[in-house]
Amino acid sequence: MKHQPRVLIVEDEPSIAELVSVNLRHNGFAPVWAEDGIAAQRELDAVLPDAILLDWMLPGQSGLALARKWRADSRTRAIPILMLTARGDEPDKVAGLDAGADDYITKPFSTQELLARIRAVLRRRAPEQGSETVTIGELALDAATHRVNWRGRPLKVGPTEFKLLHFLMKHPERVHSRSQLLDKVWGDHVFIEERTVDVHVKRLRESLGPAAGALETVRGAGYRLTAQVGSAAPS
């Protein structure tokens, strides 16, 4: 029997949660509903979902606070999080991404858009085919085990950042524009804005820590991964 991706819906409005659940169930997903952070944590402690749909405005802990908490926990760190928000303005979207969300959906949204976005984050989470290890300078990435090391020390990298790093490491020294990165890393994810690439690059730099200098911003052109920095930490 085909695996039904389990989606945890953290939403305090029963009508929205029910609508989303019905649509997910009809399209081969297994939805689980939690009305607040406490109920959501209970579900996570029991069974890890394949993705989390997280409402921004919740009673008790906000969606932002929950996203930060789950990103900080090694058990839940790799689960893709999609923020549901009624706020369409840019600073809020960026705040959601900075908190650790992989994507955001602004209410009201269509069923097709919701399904497309969930499938897209699940595709990004799926491991790359093959068990290749890529090494650039002192940075090493193992696609099979989803591990990144710098000078033999493990680095903690989120699922979207991992895919971004993998692509850049496979094409070192080349400058990639934001639209090229969207195409190659996010695939047919037409809803994502170019600004999102910057947020994920920022998060990737934070994850790389002392190796962050290898990821260069080429003004007006895009981003490049280079081995030229050697072992120097970014200033």
C-alpha atoms as a PDB file:
ATOM      1  CA  MET A   1       0.000   0.000   0.000  1.00  0.00           C
ATOM      2  CA  LYS A   2       1.292   3.450  -0.927  1.00  0.00           C
ATOM      3  CA  HIS A   3       2.451   5.616   1.941  1.00  0.00           C
ATOM      4  CA  GLN A   4      -0.007   8.409   2.713  1.00  0.00           C
ATOM      5  CA  PRO A   5       1.994  11.476   3.757  1.00  0.00           C
ATOM      6  CA  ARG A   6       0.912  12.513   7.242  1.00  0.00           C
ATOM      7  CA  VAL A   7       0.175  16.236   7.526  1.00  0.00           C
ATOM      8  CA  LEU A   8      -0.264  17.862  10.947  1.00  0.00           C
ATOM      9  CA  ILE A   9      -2.682  20.815  10.690  1.00  0.00           C
ATOM     10  CA  VAL A  10      -2.214  23.288  13.557  1.00  0.00           C
ATOM     11  CA  GLU A  11      -5.227  25.580  13.198  1.00  0.00           C
ATOM     12  CA  ASP A  12      -7.656  26.930  15.820  1.00  0.00           C
ATOM     13  CA  GLU A  13     -10.548  27.545  13.410  1.00  0.00           C
ATOM     14  CA  PRO A  14     -12.440  24.231  13.042  1.00  0.00           C
ATOM     15  CA  SER A  15     -14.068  25.255   9.733  1.00  0.00           C
ATOM     16  CA  ILE A  16     -10.675  25.880   8.075  1.00  0.00           C
ATOM     17  CA  ALA A  17      -9.122  22.762   9.609  1.00  0.00           C
ATOM     18  CA  GLU A  18     -12.055  20.630   8.414  1.00  0.00           C
ATOM     19  CA  LEU A  19     -11.914  22.062   4.887  1.00  0.00           C
ATOM     20  CA  VAL A  20      -8.163  21.467   4.646  1.00  0.00           C
ATOM     21  CA  SER A  21      -8.495  17.947   6.125  1.00  0.00           C
ATOM     22  CA  VAL A  22     -11.191  16.915   3.655  1.00  0.00           C
ATOM     23  CA  ASN A  23      -9.176  18.178   0.693  1.00  0.00           C
ATOM     24  CA  LEU A  24      -5.998  16.489   1.889  1.00  0.00           C
ATOM     25  CA  ARG A  25      -7.796  13.190   2.509  1.00  0.00           C
ATOM     26  CA  HIS A  26      -9.316  13.266  -0.996  1.00  0.00           C
ATOM     27  CA  ASN A  27      -5.827  13.745  -2.457  1.00  0.00           C
ATOM     28  CA  GLY A  28      -4.016  10.891  -0.751  1.00  0.00           C
ATOM     29  CA  PHE A  29      -2.780  12.555   2.445  1.00  0.00           C
ATOM     30  CA  ALA A  30      -3.433  11.552   6.058  1.00  0.00           C
ATOM     31  CA  PRO A  31      -4.386  14.773   7.904  1.00  0.00           C
ATOM     32  CA  VAL A  32      -4.187  15.136  11.687  1.00  0.00           C
ATOM     33  CA  TRP A  33      -5.707  18.189  13.364  1.00  0.00           C
ATOM     34  CA  ALA A  34      -4.433  20.013  16.455  1.00  0.00           C
ATOM     35  CA  GLU A  35      -6.133  23.231  17.613  1.00  0.00           C
ATOM     36  CA  ASP A  36      -3.188  24.733  19.515  1.00  0.00           C
ATOM     37  CA  GLY A  37       0.493  24.286  20.341  1.00  0.00           C
ATOM     38  CA  ILE A  38      -0.147  21.925  23.264  1.00  0.00           C
ATOM     39  CA  ALA A  39      -2.274  19.549  21.174  1.00  0.00           C
ATOM     40  CA  ALA A  40       0.253  19.813  18.308  1.00  0.00           C
ATOM     41  CA  GLN A  41       3.139  18.905  20.617  1.00  0.00           C
ATOM     42  CA  ARG A  42       1.171  15.875  21.835  1.00  0.00           C
ATOM     43  CA  GLU A  43       0.754  14.706  18.220  1.00  0.00           C
ATOM     44  CA  LEU A  44       4.444  15.277  17.463  1.00  0.00           C
ATOM     45  CA  ASP A  45       5.483  13.336  20.563  1.00  0.00           C
ATOM     46  CA  ALA A  46       3.340  10.408  19.397  1.00  0.00           C
ATOM     47  CA  VAL A  47       4.076  10.260  15.643  1.00  0.00           C
ATOM     48  CA  LEU A  48       6.211  12.569  13.499  1.00  0.00           C
ATOM     49  CA  PRO A  49       4.295  13.908  10.465  1.00  0.00           C
ATOM     50  CA  ASP A  50       5.750  14.341   6.970  1.00  0.00           C
ATOM     51  CA  ALA A  51       4.805  18.036   6.964  1.00  0.00           C
ATOM     52  CA  ILE A  52       3.226  20.634   9.278  1.00  0.00           C
ATOM     53  CA  LEU A  53       0.625  23.232   8.237  1.00  0.00           C
ATOM     54  CA  LEU A  54       0.968  25.870  10.931  1.00  0.00           C
ATOM     55  CA  ASP A  55      -1.388  28.800  11.457  1.00  0.00           C
ATOM     56  CA  TRP A  56       0.326  32.083  12.320  1.00  0.00           C
ATOM     57  CA  MET A  57      -2.327  33.258  14.805  1.00  0.00           C
ATOM     58  CA  LEU A  58      -3.011  30.649  17.480  1.00  0.00           C
ATOM     59  CA  PRO A  59      -4.270  30.787  21.071  1.00  0.00           C
ATOM     60  CA  GLY A  60      -1.386  30.410  23.518  1.00  0.00           C
ATOM     61  CA  GLN A  61       1.900  30.054  21.663  1.00  0.00           C
ATOM     62  CA  SER A  62       1.935  31.721  18.250  1.00  0.00           C
ATOM     63  CA  GLY A  63       2.792  29.836  15.085  1.00  0.00           C
ATOM     64  CA  LEU A  64       6.088  31.737  14.934  1.00  0.00           C
ATOM     65  CA  ALA A  65       7.062  30.625  18.451  1.00  0.00           C
ATOM     66  CA  LEU A  66       6.121  27.019  17.649  1.00  0.00           C
ATOM     67  CA  ALA A  67       8.110  27.062  14.384  1.00  0.00           C
ATOM     68  CA  ARG A  68      11.186  28.309  16.279  1.00  0.00           C
ATOM     69  CA  LYS A  69      10.727  25.668  18.977  1.00  0.00           C
ATOM     70  CA  TRP A  70      10.374  22.785  16.503  1.00  0.00           C
ATOM     71  CA  ARG A  71      13.336  23.978  14.443  1.00  0.00           C
ATOM     72  CA  ALA A  72      15.490  24.038  17.593  1.00  0.00           C
ATOM     73  CA  ASP A  73      14.569  20.428  18.496  1.00  0.00           C
ATOM     74  CA  SER A  74      16.696  17.810  16.699  1.00  0.00           C
ATOM     75  CA  ARG A  75      13.715  15.403  16.531  1.00  0.00           C
ATOM     76  CA  THR A  76      11.478  17.826  14.614  1.00  0.00           C
ATOM     77  CA  ARG A  77      14.116  19.955  12.877  1.00  0.00           C
ATOM     78  CA  ALA A  78      13.811  18.326   9.446  1.00  0.00           C
ATOM     79  CA  ILE A  79       9.996  18.385   9.177  1.00  0.00           C
ATOM     80  CA  PRO A  80       8.864  20.875   6.506  1.00  0.00           C
ATOM     81  CA  ILE A  81       6.695  23.664   7.964  1.00  0.00           C
ATOM     82  CA  LEU A  82       4.208  25.685   5.902  1.00  0.00           C
ATOM     83  CA  MET A  83       2.862  28.767   7.662  1.00  0.00           C
ATOM     84  CA  LEU A  84      -0.794  29.660   7.098  1.00  0.00           C
ATOM     85  CA  THR A  85      -1.180  33.406   7.415  1.00  0.00           C
ATOM     86  CA  ALA A  86      -3.923  35.935   6.816  1.00  0.00           C
ATOM     87  CA  ARG A  87      -1.238  38.592   6.548  1.00  0.00           C
ATOM     88  CA  GLY A  88      -0.104  39.212   3.010  1.00  0.00           C
ATOM     89  CA  ASP A  89       2.589  41.769   3.633  1.00  0.00           C
ATOM     90  CA  GLU A  90       6.247  41.060   3.067  1.00  0.00           C
ATOM     91  CA  PRO A  91       7.734  41.635   6.572  1.00  0.00           C
ATOM     92  CA  ASP A  92       5.418  38.997   8.045  1.00  0.00           C
ATOM     93  CA  LYS A  93       6.294  36.472   5.356  1.00  0.00           C
ATOM     94  CA  VAL A  94       9.992  37.042   5.961  1.00  0.00           C
ATOM     95  CA  ALA A  95       9.479  36.753   9.741  1.00  0.00           C
ATOM     96  CA  GLY A  96       7.815  33.381   9.148  1.00  0.00           C
ATOM     97  CA  LEU A  97      10.702  32.175   7.003  1.00  0.00           C
ATOM     98  CA  ASP A  98      13.228  33.477   9.520  1.00  0.00           C
ATOM     99  CA  ALA A  99      11.438  31.509  12.261  1.00  0.00           C
ATOM    100  CA  GLY A 100      12.096  28.344  10.304  1.00  0.00           C
ATOM    101  CA  ALA A 101       9.103  27.909   7.999  1.00  0.00           C
ATOM    102  CA  ASP A 102       9.886  26.426   4.574  1.00  0.00           C
ATOM    103  CA  ASP A 103       7.031  28.227   2.875  1.00  0.00           C
ATOM    104  CA  TYR A 104       3.935  30.284   3.643  1.00  0.00           C
ATOM    105  CA  ILE A 105       0.410  30.370   2.274  1.00  0.00           C
ATOM    106  CA  THR A 106      -1.716  33.502   2.561  1.00  0.00           C
ATOM    107  CA  LYS A 107      -5.418  33.033   3.376  1.00  0.00           C
ATOM    108  CA  PRO A 108      -7.672  32.731   1.511  1.00  0.00           C
ATOM    109  CA  PHE A 109      -5.936  30.090  -0.619  1.00  0.00           C
ATOM    110  CA  SER A 110      -7.154  27.628  -3.230  1.00  0.00           C
ATOM    111  CA  THR A 111      -7.054  23.874  -2.666  1.00  0.00           C
ATOM    112  CA  GLN A 112      -4.828  23.473  -5.727  1.00  0.00           C
ATOM    113  CA  GLU A 113      -2.304  25.971  -4.399  1.00  0.00           C
ATOM    114  CA  LEU A 114      -2.256  24.285  -0.979  1.00  0.00           C
ATOM    115  CA  LEU A 115      -1.723  20.831  -2.505  1.00  0.00           C
ATOM    116  CA  ALA A 116       0.971  22.125  -4.873  1.00  0.00           C
ATOM    117  CA  ARG A 117       2.891  23.696  -2.018  1.00  0.00           C
ATOM    118  CA  ILE A 118       2.660  20.650   0.250  1.00  0.00           C
ATOM    119  CA  ARG A 119       3.840  18.389  -2.579  1.00  0.00           C
ATOM    120  CA  ALA A 120       6.685  20.811  -3.306  1.00  0.00           C
ATOM    121  CA  VAL A 121       8.032  20.803   0.281  1.00  0.00           C
ATOM    122  CA  LEU A 122       7.736  17.008   0.410  1.00  0.00           C
ATOM    123  CA  ARG A 123       9.692  16.753  -2.867  1.00  0.00           C
ATOM    124  CA  ARG A 124      12.383  19.033  -1.473  1.00  0.00           C
ATOM    125  CA  ARG A 125      12.563  16.861   1.627  1.00  0.00           C
ATOM    126  CA  ALA A 126      12.902  13.638  -0.392  1.00  0.00           C
ATOM    127  CA  PRO A 127      16.556  12.557  -0.417  1.00  0.00           C
ATOM    128  CA  GLU A 128      18.514  13.079  -3.609  1.00  0.00           C
ATOM    129  CA  GLN A 129      18.895   9.972  -5.711  1.00  0.00           C
ATOM    130  CA  GLY A 130      22.207   8.194  -5.312  1.00  0.00           C
ATOM    131  CA  SER A 131      24.611   8.237  -2.422  1.00  0.00           C
ATOM    132  CA  GLU A 132      27.060  10.792  -3.714  1.00  0.00           C
ATOM    133  CA  THR A 133      29.382  12.691  -1.452  1.00  0.00           C
ATOM    134  CA  VAL A 134      30.408  16.148  -2.655  1.00  0.00           C
ATOM    135  CA  THR A 135      33.491  17.913  -1.280  1.00  0.00           C
ATOM    136  CA  ILE A 136      34.446  21.551  -1.854  1.00  0.00           C
ATOM    137  CA  GLY A 137      37.530  22.698   0.042  1.00  0.00           C
ATOM    138  CA  GLU A 138      36.984  21.513   3.613  1.00  0.00           C
ATOM    139  CA  LEU A 139      33.202  21.275   3.243  1.00  0.00           C
ATOM    140  CA  ALA A 140      31.722  17.787   2.637  1.00  0.00           C
ATOM    141  CA  LEU A 141      28.095  16.843   1.946  1.00  0.00           C
ATOM    142  CA  ASP A 142      26.732  13.290   1.954  1.00  0.00           C
ATOM    143  CA  ALA A 143      23.460  13.113  -0.003  1.00  0.00           C
ATOM    144  CA  ALA A 144      22.528   9.626   1.250  1.00  0.00           C
ATOM    145  CA  THR A 145      22.739  10.394   4.970  1.00  0.00           C
ATOM    146  CA  HIS A 146      21.824  14.102   4.676  1.00  0.00           C
ATOM    147  CA  ARG A 147      24.974  15.092   6.570  1.00  0.00           C
ATOM    148  CA  VAL A 148      27.199  18.125   6.122  1.00  0.00           C
ATOM    149  CA  ASN A 149      30.688  18.367   7.650  1.00  0.00           C
ATOM    150  CA  TRP A 150      33.254  21.139   7.779  1.00  0.00           C
ATOM    151  CA  ARG A 151      36.776  20.041   8.739  1.00  0.00           C
ATOM    152  CA  GLY A 152      35.201  16.812   9.949  1.00  0.00           C
ATOM    153  CA  ARG A 153      32.797  18.624  12.265  1.00  0.00           C
ATOM    154  CA  PRO A 154      29.054  18.067  11.645  1.00  0.00           C
ATOM    155  CA  LEU A 155      26.954  21.106  10.725  1.00  0.00           C
ATOM    156  CA  LYS A 156      23.186  21.272  11.301  1.00  0.00           C
ATOM    157  CA  VAL A 157      21.479  22.221   8.040  1.00  0.00           C
ATOM    158  CA  GLY A 158      17.673  22.360   7.469  1.00  0.00           C
ATOM    159  CA  PRO A 159      15.998  20.446   4.593  1.00  0.00           C
ATOM    160  CA  THR A 160      15.627  23.326   2.127  1.00  0.00           C
ATOM    161  CA  GLU A 161      19.089  24.710   2.949  1.00  0.00           C
ATOM    162  CA  PHE A 162      20.550  21.221   2.439  1.00  0.00           C
ATOM    163  CA  LYS A 163      19.105  21.007  -1.060  1.00  0.00           C
ATOM    164  CA  LEU A 164      20.339  24.530  -1.849  1.00  0.00           C
ATOM    165  CA  LEU A 165      23.840  23.680  -0.600  1.00  0.00           C
ATOM    166  CA  HIS A 166      23.852  20.384  -2.516  1.00  0.00           C
ATOM    167  CA  PHE A 167      23.046  22.163  -5.771  1.00  0.00           C
ATOM    168  CA  LEU A 168      25.673  24.883  -5.192  1.00  0.00           C
ATOM    169  CA  MET A 169      28.328  22.289  -4.282  1.00  0.00           C
ATOM    170  CA  LYS A 170      27.594  20.319  -7.452  1.00  0.00           C
ATOM    171  CA  HIS A 171      28.191  23.514  -9.479  1.00  0.00           C
ATOM    172  CA  PRO A 172      31.043  25.291  -7.654  1.00  0.00           C
ATOM    173  CA  GLU A 173      32.530  28.626  -8.750  1.00  0.00           C
ATOM    174  CA  ARG A 174      29.492  29.335 -10.960  1.00  0.00           C
ATOM    175  CA  VAL A 175      27.234  32.289 -10.246  1.00  0.00           C
ATOM    176  CA  HIS A 176      23.545  31.355 -10.030  1.00  0.00           C
ATOM    177  CA  SER A 177      20.815  33.990 -10.161  1.00  0.00           C
ATOM    178  CA  ARG A 178      17.868  33.834  -7.758  1.00  0.00           C
ATOM    179  CA  SER A 179      15.541  32.715 -10.559  1.00  0.00           C
ATOM    180  CA  GLN A 180      17.962  29.924 -11.560  1.00  0.00           C
ATOM    181  CA  LEU A 181      18.125  28.742  -7.946  1.00  0.00           C
ATOM    182  CA  LEU A 182      14.326  28.814  -7.679  1.00  0.00           C
ATOM    183  CA  ASP A 183      14.118  26.692 -10.817  1.00  0.00           C
ATOM    184  CA  LYS A 184      16.814  24.169  -9.827  1.00  0.00           C
ATOM    185  CA  VAL A 185      16.211  23.889  -6.071  1.00  0.00           C
ATOM    186  CA  TRP A 186      12.484  24.584  -5.757  1.00  0.00           C
ATOM    187  CA  GLY A 187      11.526  23.086  -9.116  1.00  0.00           C
ATOM    188  CA  ASP A 188       8.104  23.991 -10.428  1.00  0.00           C
ATOM    189  CA  HIS A 189       7.326  25.918  -7.261  1.00  0.00           C
ATOM    190  CA  VAL A 190       5.819  28.866  -9.077  1.00  0.00           C
ATOM    191  CA  PHE A 191       4.424  30.564  -5.957  1.00  0.00           C
ATOM    192  CA  ILE A 192       7.734  31.322  -4.289  1.00  0.00           C
ATOM    193  CA  GLU A 193       9.194  34.824  -4.584  1.00  0.00           C
ATOM    194  CA  GLU A 194      12.842  35.569  -5.274  1.00  0.00           C
ATOM    195  CA  ARG A 195      13.136  37.237  -1.850  1.00  0.00           C
ATOM    196  CA  THR A 196      12.661  33.760  -0.337  1.00  0.00           C
ATOM    197  CA  VAL A 197      15.971  32.640  -1.867  1.00  0.00           C
ATOM    198  CA  ASP A 198      17.757  35.372   0.103  1.00  0.00           C
ATOM    199  CA  VAL A 199      16.163  34.182   3.343  1.00  0.00           C
ATOM    200  CA  HIS A 200      17.261  30.585   2.736  1.00  0.00           C
ATOM    201  CA  VAL A 201      20.774  31.722   1.762  1.00  0.00           C
ATOM    202  CA  LYS A 202      20.938  33.695   5.029  1.00  0.00           C
ATOM    203  CA  ARG A 203      19.825  30.601   6.959  1.00  0.00           C
ATOM    204  CA  LEU A 204      22.336  28.445   5.097  1.00  0.00           C
ATOM    205  CA  ARG A 205      25.136  30.879   5.993  1.00  0.00           C
ATOM    206  CA  GLU A 206      24.103  30.707   9.661  1.00  0.00           C
ATOM    207  CA  SER A 207      24.136  26.882   9.467  1.00  0.00           C
ATOM    208  CA  LEU A 208      27.583  26.845   7.830  1.00  0.00           C
ATOM    209  CA  GLY A 209      29.017  28.980  10.638  1.00  0.00           C
ATOM    210  CA  PRO A 210      32.815  29.102  10.186  1.00  0.00           C
ATOM    211  CA  ALA A 211      32.488  27.863   6.582  1.00  0.00           C
ATOM    212  CA  ALA A 212      29.981  30.594   5.615  1.00  0.00           C
ATOM    213  CA  GLY A 213      32.646  32.545   3.703  1.00  0.00           C
ATOM    214  CA  ALA A 214      32.471  29.937   0.932  1.00  0.00           C
ATOM    215  CA  LEU A 215      28.994  31.171   0.002  1.00  0.00           C
ATOM    216  CA  GLU A 216      29.482  34.464  -1.805  1.00  0.00           C
ATOM    217  CA  THR A 217      26.957  37.084  -2.854  1.00  0.00           C
ATOM    218  CA  VAL A 218      27.822  38.388  -6.330  1.00  0.00           C
ATOM    219  CA  ARG A 219      26.273  41.846  -6.430  1.00  0.00           C
ATOM    220  CA  GLY A 220      23.512  42.183  -9.013  1.00  0.00           C
ATOM    221  CA  ALA A 221      24.053  38.612 -10.234  1.00  0.00           C
ATOM    222  CA  GLY A 222      23.273  36.046  -7.540  1.00  0.00           C
ATOM    223  CA  TYR A 223      25.189  33.567  -5.415  1.00  0.00           C
ATOM    224  CA  ARG A 224      28.275  31.397  -5.791  1.00  0.00           C
ATOM    225  CA  LEU A 225      29.926  28.664  -3.739  1.00  0.00           C
ATOM    226  CA  THR A 226      33.691  28.864  -3.854  1.00  0.00           C
ATOM    227  CA  ALA A 227      36.570  26.871  -2.418  1.00  0.00           C
ATOM    228  CA  GLN A 228      38.873  29.884  -2.722  1.00  0.00           C
ATOM    229  CA  VAL A 229      38.310  31.069   0.843  1.00  0.00           C
ATOM    230  CA  GLY A 230      40.141  28.031   2.118  1.00  0.00           C
ATOM    231  CA  SER A 231      39.699  27.734   5.860  1.00  0.00           C
ATOM    232  CA  ALA A 232      39.274  31.440   6.606  1.00  0.00           C
ATOM    233  CA  ALA A 233      36.198  32.319   8.578  1.00  0.00           C
ATOM    234  CA  PRO A 234      34.061  35.141   7.190  1.00  0.00           C
ATOM    235  CA  SER A 235      34.856  38.512   8.665  1.00  0.00           C
END
